[in-house]
Amino acid sequence: MINRRDVLLLGTSAAAASVTSALVACAEKKKAPAAAEPAGAAAAAPAVAAPAAGTNRHPELAAAAAKCVAAGEICLAHCLESLATGEKMLGDCAKAVQQMLAVCKMIGALGAANSAHLSKAAALCDAVCKDCKDACDKHASMHEECKGCADACGEMLTQVAKVL
């Protein structure tokens, strides 16, 4: 029987994999020299505009944000399941994760777009991810979902420090 946590895990893992593969593909495109197209290839394949020069200068930040969101969704689902049983221990964790999710979604998009507002968003992300990591660390030894989220927030903090 599949439970909500399994569905969230599968969905967020697929989303993270999709974002990561797109970022890797973009990075590989930049590295590889343009190869000659076989005759008729242009007609067979749909035209796709190349990314503008200077976009997505922060693929590691975007990937860390996607990973943080995936881990956060799993952690939040776990917290909500616990809260639904009347257990209040994970209430602060759920609040911190909810805020982290909003900020990491935002900074992932801003980083991928190489936004002029990235450094301001990074300062906010730094504070919110520290709070989330601290809240999850309190439960990491008892709940693997909290440990996964705390670890992802730690990786996110490393990437955010690079743009601060």
Protein backbone atom coordinates (compact mmCIF):
# COMPACT_ATOMS: atom_id res chain seq x y z
CA MET A 1 0.00 0.00 0.00
CA ILE A 2 1.38 3.40 -0.94
CA ASN A 3 1.20 6.14 1.64
CA ARG A 4 1.45 9.91 1.19
CA ARG A 5 5.12 9.96 2.14
CA ASP A 6 5.96 7.50 -0.65
CA VAL A 7 4.04 9.57 -3.17
CA LEU A 8 5.75 12.78 -2.02
CA LEU A 9 9.13 11.09 -2.07
CA LEU A 10 8.59 9.80 -5.58
CA GLY A 11 7.20 13.09 -6.88
CA THR A 12 9.84 15.31 -5.31
CA SER A 13 12.61 12.94 -6.32
CA ALA A 14 11.36 13.02 -9.90
CA ALA A 15 11.21 16.81 -9.83
CA ALA A 16 14.70 17.08 -8.37
CA ALA A 17 16.02 14.62 -10.94
CA SER A 18 14.36 16.58 -13.72
CA VAL A 19 15.87 19.87 -12.56
CA THR A 20 19.27 18.29 -12.05
CA SER A 21 19.26 16.62 -15.47
CA ALA A 22 18.24 19.89 -17.11
CA LEU A 23 21.07 21.69 -15.34
CA VAL A 24 23.58 19.03 -16.34
CA ALA A 25 22.34 19.16 -19.94
CA CYS A 26 22.76 22.93 -19.98
CA ALA A 27 26.24 22.65 -18.52
CA GLU A 28 27.20 19.99 -21.07
CA LYS A 29 25.90 22.17 -23.92
CA LYS A 30 28.19 24.97 -22.82
CA LYS A 31 31.21 22.64 -22.65
CA ALA A 32 30.72 20.69 -25.89
CA PRO A 33 31.62 22.31 -29.21
CA ALA A 34 28.81 22.49 -31.73
CA ALA A 35 28.76 19.34 -33.84
CA ALA A 36 27.79 19.32 -37.47
CA GLU A 37 24.15 18.38 -37.92
CA PRO A 38 23.32 15.49 -40.21
CA ALA A 39 21.28 16.38 -43.29
CA GLY A 40 17.61 16.78 -42.43
CA ALA A 41 18.22 16.92 -38.68
CA ALA A 42 17.05 20.51 -38.45
CA ALA A 43 13.76 19.62 -40.10
CA ALA A 44 13.21 16.56 -37.92
CA ALA A 45 13.93 18.20 -34.55
CA PRO A 46 11.89 21.10 -33.19
CA ALA A 47 13.74 24.40 -32.93
CA VAL A 48 14.79 25.23 -29.36
CA ALA A 49 16.22 28.60 -28.52
CA ALA A 50 19.60 28.47 -26.83
CA PRO A 51 19.78 30.04 -23.38
CA ALA A 52 20.85 33.66 -23.44
CA ALA A 53 24.49 34.29 -22.66
CA GLY A 54 25.05 34.82 -18.96
CA THR A 55 21.97 32.97 -17.74
CA ASN A 56 22.07 30.32 -15.03
CA ARG A 57 25.45 31.17 -13.61
CA HIS A 58 24.42 29.38 -10.45
CA PRO A 59 23.50 25.80 -11.40
CA GLU A 60 24.83 24.41 -8.10
CA LEU A 61 22.61 26.83 -6.17
CA ALA A 62 19.57 25.84 -8.24
CA ALA A 63 20.34 22.14 -7.75
CA ALA A 64 20.83 22.58 -3.99
CA ALA A 65 17.54 24.48 -3.79
CA ALA A 66 15.73 21.68 -5.65
CA LYS A 67 17.23 19.10 -3.30
CA CYS A 68 16.27 21.19 -0.28
CA VAL A 69 12.69 21.51 -1.54
CA ALA A 70 12.46 17.75 -2.15
CA ALA A 71 13.78 16.91 1.32
CA GLY A 72 11.61 19.62 2.87
CA GLU A 73 8.44 18.26 1.27
CA ILE A 74 9.19 14.83 2.74
CA CYS A 75 9.99 16.31 6.16
CA LEU A 76 6.87 18.49 6.18
CA ALA A 77 4.66 15.52 5.25
CA HIS A 78 6.19 13.58 8.15
CA CYS A 79 5.65 16.49 10.53
CA LEU A 80 2.02 16.84 9.46
CA GLU A 81 1.41 13.11 9.94
CA SER A 82 2.86 13.39 13.43
CA LEU A 83 0.82 16.49 14.23
CA ALA A 84 -2.34 14.74 13.00
CA THR A 85 -1.88 12.08 15.69
CA GLY A 86 -1.78 14.76 18.39
CA GLU A 87 2.00 14.74 18.79
CA LYS A 88 3.17 18.36 19.02
CA MET A 89 6.94 17.80 19.13
CA LEU A 90 7.39 18.50 15.41
CA GLY A 91 5.28 21.67 15.30
CA ASP A 92 8.24 24.07 15.25
CA CYS A 93 9.98 21.88 12.70
CA ALA A 94 6.93 22.02 10.41
CA LYS A 95 6.79 25.82 10.65
CA ALA A 96 10.49 26.18 9.84
CA VAL A 97 10.27 23.75 6.92
CA GLN A 98 7.23 25.54 5.49
CA GLN A 99 9.17 28.82 5.43
CA MET A 100 12.25 27.14 3.98
CA LEU A 101 10.21 25.66 1.16
CA ALA A 102 8.95 29.08 0.08
CA VAL A 103 12.40 30.65 0.17
CA CYS A 104 14.23 27.78 -1.55
CA LYS A 105 11.69 27.71 -4.38
CA MET A 106 12.26 31.43 -4.82
CA ILE A 107 16.06 31.35 -4.71
CA GLY A 108 16.27 28.37 -7.03
CA ALA A 109 14.34 30.31 -9.65
CA LEU A 110 16.33 33.51 -9.08
CA GLY A 111 19.63 31.64 -9.25
CA ALA A 112 18.69 29.89 -12.48
CA ALA A 113 17.69 33.25 -13.97
CA ASN A 114 20.86 34.96 -12.69
CA SER A 115 18.64 37.60 -11.11
CA ALA A 116 20.02 40.96 -10.02
CA HIS A 117 18.16 40.34 -6.73
CA LEU A 118 19.99 37.09 -5.98
CA SER A 119 22.27 38.46 -3.26
CA LYS A 120 19.33 39.95 -1.33
CA ALA A 121 17.42 36.70 -1.64
CA ALA A 122 20.53 34.77 -0.56
CA ALA A 123 20.67 36.71 2.71
CA LEU A 124 17.06 35.76 3.45
CA CYS A 125 17.66 32.17 2.37
CA ASP A 126 20.69 31.97 4.66
CA ALA A 127 18.62 33.00 7.70
CA VAL A 128 15.64 30.78 6.87
CA CYS A 129 17.74 27.70 6.07
CA LYS A 130 19.70 28.13 9.31
CA ASP A 131 16.42 28.19 11.25
CA CYS A 132 15.15 25.13 9.38
CA LYS A 133 18.41 23.24 9.88
CA ASP A 134 18.38 24.05 13.60
CA ALA A 135 14.76 22.91 13.96
CA CYS A 136 15.36 19.68 12.04
CA ASP A 137 18.64 18.91 13.81
CA LYS A 138 16.71 18.63 17.09
CA HIS A 139 14.85 15.62 15.68
CA ALA A 140 17.44 14.22 13.27
CA SER A 141 18.45 11.34 15.54
CA MET A 142 14.82 10.17 15.82
CA HIS A 143 13.40 10.97 12.38
CA GLU A 144 15.23 10.28 9.12
CA GLU A 145 12.99 12.80 7.36
CA CYS A 146 14.26 15.56 9.65
CA LYS A 147 17.85 14.43 9.16
CA GLY A 148 17.44 14.50 5.39
CA CYS A 149 16.02 18.01 5.54
CA ALA A 150 18.74 19.24 7.90
CA ASP A 151 21.43 17.80 5.63
CA ALA A 152 19.87 19.41 2.55
CA CYS A 153 19.69 22.75 4.36
CA GLY A 154 23.37 22.39 5.26
CA GLU A 155 24.22 21.91 1.58
CA MET A 156 22.01 24.86 0.68
CA LEU A 157 23.81 27.06 3.20
CA THR A 158 27.12 26.16 1.54
CA GLN A 159 25.80 27.23 -1.86
CA VAL A 160 24.15 30.39 -0.51
CA ALA A 161 27.45 31.45 1.08
CA LYS A 162 28.98 31.54 -2.40
CA VAL A 163 26.63 34.32 -3.52
CA LEU A 164 26.53 36.35 -0.32
